[in-house]
């Protein structure tokens, strides 16, 4: 087992770049999974890491030790605690990181039956929550415009809690083209909507377009969607984008069941 004690180690420098740079993640085609939960979820979906990194203390954790035993032929590196802490943003550190390859993002919209179209979602927590809801509701794909946060950043991965591994995630998507080729109905919340979400027929091929946290959907994308409103009898003006997405996909689940 390799042991890294210096921040000047070339391999370690490459890992540091992956944690904070979306361009570097795309160039390398790799990202880091932070924590035992994500690594376990990745394994459950058939994933095999390229490399496993851990602290000495993590080897005393039975959950981590069991995960390491699942990948006997994957290279492992022991990191000093201070070096590991620079790679992990978790407050409660499990002491385990996995270097993984990014999946190919070539999923065509016409192959989808239930999806999200996300336009300029910039908050990593919101984006991760949407991916988690989409995965939990049984969506098969999520299409992200170029203005969205990086789907494979550490913060988005943590917020999605493994949702990445059961979804086809297509970044830098032309959402107008996605809507045109989807072949089903694309719905979007709009003040111009005449019906509520709960009156829409969501039992067939359905997509939901969710817009930027502040600006909402662009007029161009809104124009190709079927508008609806989410009834809000309380004393608030609007819903958080991630909350709205969850309500939408689970209303579709309710109708389908």
Protein backbone atom coordinates (compact mmCIF):
# COMPACT_ATOMS: atom_id res chain seq x y z
CA UNK A 1 0.00 0.00 0.00
CA UNK A 2 1.32 3.40 -0.98
CA UNK A 3 1.68 6.03 1.77
CA UNK A 4 1.63 9.75 0.93
CA UNK A 5 2.98 12.17 3.53
CA UNK A 6 3.86 15.20 1.41
CA UNK A 7 1.62 17.76 -0.21
CA UNK A 8 4.17 17.97 -3.02
CA UNK A 9 3.42 14.46 -4.21
CA UNK A 10 2.37 14.64 -7.88
CA UNK A 11 -0.55 12.21 -7.50
CA UNK A 12 -1.82 14.14 -4.48
CA UNK A 13 -1.58 17.45 -6.34
CA UNK A 14 -3.78 15.98 -9.06
CA UNK A 15 -6.38 14.94 -6.47
CA UNK A 16 -6.42 18.46 -5.02
CA UNK A 17 -7.14 19.88 -8.46
CA UNK A 18 -10.10 17.52 -8.87
CA UNK A 19 -11.72 18.72 -5.64
CA UNK A 20 -11.94 22.36 -6.64
CA UNK A 21 -11.88 22.62 -10.42
CA UNK A 22 -14.70 21.54 -12.73
CA UNK A 23 -12.50 21.99 -15.79
CA UNK A 24 -9.90 19.66 -14.33
CA UNK A 25 -12.56 17.05 -13.54
CA UNK A 26 -13.78 17.14 -17.12
CA UNK A 27 -10.26 17.08 -18.54
CA UNK A 28 -9.29 14.08 -16.42
CA UNK A 29 -12.71 12.43 -16.74
CA UNK A 30 -12.57 11.74 -13.02
CA UNK A 31 -13.98 12.88 -9.69
CA UNK A 32 -13.74 11.99 -6.01
CA UNK A 33 -16.44 10.33 -3.92
CA UNK A 34 -16.21 11.59 -0.36
CA UNK A 35 -17.25 9.25 2.43
CA UNK A 36 -18.25 5.66 3.00
CA UNK A 37 -21.92 6.23 2.10
CA UNK A 38 -21.15 7.42 -1.44
CA UNK A 39 -18.60 4.68 -2.01
CA UNK A 40 -21.12 2.06 -0.84
CA UNK A 41 -23.82 3.51 -3.13
CA UNK A 42 -21.37 3.46 -6.04
CA UNK A 43 -20.57 -0.19 -5.39
CA UNK A 44 -24.27 -1.08 -5.08
CA UNK A 45 -24.79 0.24 -8.61
CA UNK A 46 -21.94 -1.82 -10.02
CA UNK A 47 -19.25 0.85 -9.88
CA UNK A 48 -15.58 0.05 -9.41
CA UNK A 49 -13.24 2.84 -8.22
CA UNK A 50 -9.99 3.61 -9.95
CA UNK A 51 -8.25 4.22 -6.63
CA UNK A 52 -9.13 4.21 -2.92
CA UNK A 53 -7.68 6.68 -0.44
CA UNK A 54 -8.00 6.51 3.32
CA UNK A 55 -6.49 7.49 6.63
CA UNK A 56 -4.89 5.13 9.08
CA UNK A 57 -7.76 5.57 11.52
CA UNK A 58 -10.28 4.61 8.84
CA UNK A 59 -8.86 1.10 8.77
CA UNK A 60 -10.21 0.67 12.31
CA UNK A 61 -13.73 1.53 11.13
CA UNK A 62 -15.55 -1.70 10.27
CA UNK A 63 -17.73 -0.05 7.61
CA UNK A 64 -14.68 1.33 5.81
CA UNK A 65 -12.76 -1.90 6.22
CA UNK A 66 -15.65 -3.86 4.71
CA UNK A 67 -15.82 -1.51 1.73
CA UNK A 68 -12.09 -1.88 1.15
CA UNK A 69 -12.51 -5.67 1.13
CA UNK A 70 -15.08 -5.34 -1.67
CA UNK A 71 -12.37 -3.99 -4.00
CA UNK A 72 -9.36 -6.28 -3.45
CA UNK A 73 -7.73 -5.40 -6.78
CA UNK A 74 -8.23 -1.61 -6.59
CA UNK A 75 -5.06 0.32 -5.67
CA UNK A 76 -5.10 1.88 -2.20
CA UNK A 77 -3.20 4.83 -0.79
CA UNK A 78 -2.81 5.81 2.85
CA UNK A 79 -2.90 9.57 3.42
CA UNK A 80 -1.77 11.46 6.48
CA UNK A 81 -4.72 13.00 8.32
CA UNK A 82 -3.83 16.58 7.36
CA UNK A 83 -3.56 15.70 3.68
CA UNK A 84 -6.84 13.80 3.75
CA UNK A 85 -8.58 16.76 5.41
CA UNK A 86 -7.62 18.98 2.47
CA UNK A 87 -9.46 16.65 0.09
CA UNK A 88 -12.56 16.09 2.21
CA UNK A 89 -15.17 18.71 3.10
CA UNK A 90 -17.15 16.43 5.39
CA UNK A 91 -17.53 17.66 8.96
CA UNK A 92 -17.65 14.08 10.21
CA UNK A 93 -14.88 12.45 8.25
CA UNK A 94 -15.15 8.71 7.56
CA UNK A 95 -11.60 8.68 6.28
CA UNK A 96 -12.43 7.19 2.87
CA UNK A 97 -12.31 8.68 -0.62
CA UNK A 98 -12.70 6.96 -3.98
CA UNK A 99 -11.32 8.19 -7.27
CA UNK A 100 -13.82 7.25 -9.98
CA UNK A 101 -14.24 7.75 -13.71
CA UNK A 102 -16.99 10.04 -14.96
CA UNK A 103 -19.59 8.14 -17.00
CA UNK A 104 -20.20 8.79 -20.67
CA UNK A 105 -22.95 11.39 -21.14
CA UNK A 106 -24.46 10.38 -24.46
CA UNK A 107 -28.05 9.62 -23.42
CA UNK A 108 -30.48 10.82 -26.12
CA UNK A 109 -33.70 12.55 -24.98
CA UNK A 110 -35.86 10.33 -27.16
CA UNK A 111 -34.78 7.36 -25.01
CA UNK A 112 -36.16 8.95 -21.86
CA UNK A 113 -39.60 8.37 -20.40
CA UNK A 114 -39.37 10.50 -17.26
CA UNK A 115 -36.82 13.27 -16.88
CA UNK A 116 -35.85 16.68 -15.57
CA UNK A 117 -34.62 19.58 -17.67
CA UNK A 118 -32.61 21.90 -15.44
CA UNK A 119 -31.81 25.40 -16.64
CA UNK A 120 -29.04 27.39 -14.94
CA UNK A 121 -29.38 25.78 -11.50
CA UNK A 122 -26.37 27.35 -9.84
CA UNK A 123 -26.53 26.26 -6.20
CA UNK A 124 -24.75 22.91 -5.74
CA UNK A 125 -27.02 21.96 -2.85
CA UNK A 126 -30.13 22.59 -4.92
CA UNK A 127 -28.73 20.66 -7.87
CA UNK A 128 -27.78 17.71 -5.71
CA UNK A 129 -31.21 17.68 -4.05
CA UNK A 130 -32.89 17.66 -7.47
CA UNK A 131 -30.77 14.73 -8.60
CA UNK A 132 -31.62 12.88 -5.39
CA UNK A 133 -35.35 13.50 -5.86
CA UNK A 134 -35.18 12.50 -9.53
CA UNK A 135 -33.43 9.24 -8.64
CA UNK A 136 -35.87 8.49 -5.82
CA UNK A 137 -38.87 9.12 -8.08
CA UNK A 138 -37.56 6.82 -10.82
CA UNK A 139 -36.52 9.39 -13.41
CA UNK A 140 -34.20 7.93 -16.01
CA UNK A 141 -32.41 11.13 -17.05
CA UNK A 142 -31.56 14.67 -16.05
CA UNK A 143 -30.49 17.20 -18.67
CA UNK A 144 -28.50 20.22 -17.47
CA UNK A 145 -27.95 23.46 -19.35
CA UNK A 146 -24.42 24.87 -19.59
CA UNK A 147 -25.28 27.41 -16.88
CA UNK A 148 -25.80 24.76 -14.21
CA UNK A 149 -23.33 23.99 -11.45
CA UNK A 150 -20.96 21.10 -12.15
CA UNK A 151 -22.95 17.93 -11.51
CA UNK A 152 -19.86 16.00 -10.43
CA UNK A 153 -18.50 18.46 -7.88
CA UNK A 154 -18.03 17.19 -4.31
CA UNK A 155 -20.90 19.33 -2.98
CA UNK A 156 -23.39 18.13 -5.59
CA UNK A 157 -22.32 14.51 -5.12
CA UNK A 158 -22.84 14.75 -1.36
CA UNK A 159 -26.26 16.41 -1.70
CA UNK A 160 -27.44 13.79 -4.22
CA UNK A 161 -26.54 10.94 -1.83
CA UNK A 162 -25.89 8.41 -4.60
CA UNK A 163 -28.53 9.65 -7.05
CA UNK A 164 -25.85 10.15 -9.70
CA UNK A 165 -25.29 6.42 -10.01
CA UNK A 166 -28.84 5.53 -11.10
CA UNK A 167 -29.42 8.45 -13.50
CA UNK A 168 -28.27 9.38 -16.98
CA UNK A 169 -26.86 12.87 -16.38
CA UNK A 170 -26.26 14.97 -19.48
CA UNK A 171 -24.44 18.26 -18.93
CA UNK A 172 -24.18 21.21 -21.34
CA UNK A 173 -27.45 20.12 -22.93
CA UNK A 174 -29.40 22.27 -25.37
CA UNK A 175 -32.68 22.15 -23.49
CA UNK A 176 -34.74 23.44 -26.41
CA UNK A 177 -33.43 20.56 -28.50
CA UNK A 178 -34.06 18.13 -25.62
CA UNK A 179 -37.67 19.31 -25.38
CA UNK A 180 -38.10 19.02 -29.15
CA UNK A 181 -36.74 15.47 -29.33
CA UNK A 182 -38.11 14.14 -26.05
CA UNK A 183 -41.33 12.87 -27.62
CA UNK A 184 -43.40 13.37 -24.48
CA UNK A 185 -44.90 16.31 -22.64
CA UNK A 186 -42.61 18.80 -20.95
CA UNK A 187 -44.25 20.70 -18.09
CA UNK A 188 -43.13 23.82 -16.28
CA UNK A 189 -44.46 25.85 -13.38
CA UNK A 190 -45.59 29.26 -14.59
CA UNK A 191 -47.63 32.18 -13.31
CA UNK A 192 -49.39 31.99 -16.67
CA UNK A 193 -50.62 28.48 -15.92
CA UNK A 194 -54.39 27.93 -15.95
CA UNK A 195 -54.36 24.52 -14.27
CA UNK A 196 -52.65 23.18 -11.19
CA UNK A 197 -49.94 20.55 -11.23
CA UNK A 198 -52.44 18.12 -9.73
CA UNK A 199 -54.81 18.55 -12.70
CA UNK A 200 -52.14 17.69 -15.28
CA UNK A 201 -52.02 14.18 -16.73
CA UNK A 202 -48.55 12.93 -15.81
CA UNK A 203 -49.01 9.24 -16.56
CA UNK A 204 -47.19 9.09 -19.90
CA UNK A 205 -43.77 10.24 -21.03
CA UNK A 206 -43.16 13.31 -18.89
CA UNK A 207 -40.43 15.85 -18.37
CA UNK A 208 -40.32 18.79 -15.96
CA UNK A 209 -38.36 21.94 -16.73
CA UNK A 210 -36.98 23.71 -13.65
CA UNK A 211 -35.41 27.14 -13.96
CA UNK A 212 -32.78 29.23 -12.25
CA UNK A 213 -33.28 29.90 -8.54
CA UNK A 214 -33.81 33.63 -9.08
CA UNK A 215 -34.73 34.18 -12.71
CA UNK A 216 -36.75 31.04 -13.41
CA UNK A 217 -36.96 29.60 -16.91
CA UNK A 218 -36.02 31.61 -19.97
CA UNK A 219 -38.94 32.71 -22.11
CA UNK A 220 -37.73 30.48 -24.95
CA UNK A 221 -37.85 27.30 -22.87
CA UNK A 222 -41.07 28.31 -21.14
CA UNK A 223 -42.71 28.71 -24.55
CA UNK A 224 -42.24 25.04 -25.44
CA UNK A 225 -43.51 23.72 -22.09
CA UNK A 226 -47.01 23.08 -20.82
CA UNK A 227 -47.59 25.58 -17.99
CA UNK A 228 -49.10 24.80 -14.60
CA UNK A 229 -49.16 26.32 -11.17
CA UNK A 230 -48.37 24.76 -7.80
CA UNK A 231 -51.09 25.90 -5.37
CA UNK A 232 -49.59 27.80 -2.43
CA UNK A 233 -52.28 28.85 0.04
CA UNK A 234 -49.69 29.96 2.58
CA UNK A 235 -48.01 33.32 3.01
CA UNK A 236 -44.98 32.82 0.78
CA UNK A 237 -44.29 34.10 -2.70
CA UNK A 238 -42.49 31.11 -4.18
CA UNK A 239 -40.93 27.71 -3.53
CA UNK A 240 -37.28 26.73 -3.46
CA UNK A 241 -36.40 25.27 -6.86
CA UNK A 242 -35.38 21.92 -5.39
CA UNK A 243 -38.61 21.70 -3.39
CA UNK A 244 -40.66 22.48 -6.50
CA UNK A 245 -38.83 19.76 -8.44
CA UNK A 246 -39.53 17.21 -5.71
CA UNK A 247 -43.23 18.07 -5.64
CA UNK A 248 -43.44 17.71 -9.41
CA UNK A 249 -41.72 14.34 -9.76
CA UNK A 250 -43.60 12.79 -6.86
CA UNK A 251 -46.95 13.97 -8.14
CA UNK A 252 -46.05 12.05 -11.31
CA UNK A 253 -45.19 9.04 -9.14
CA UNK A 254 -48.56 9.35 -7.35
CA UNK A 255 -50.48 9.40 -10.61
CA UNK A 256 -48.57 6.50 -12.10
CA UNK A 257 -49.20 4.36 -9.05
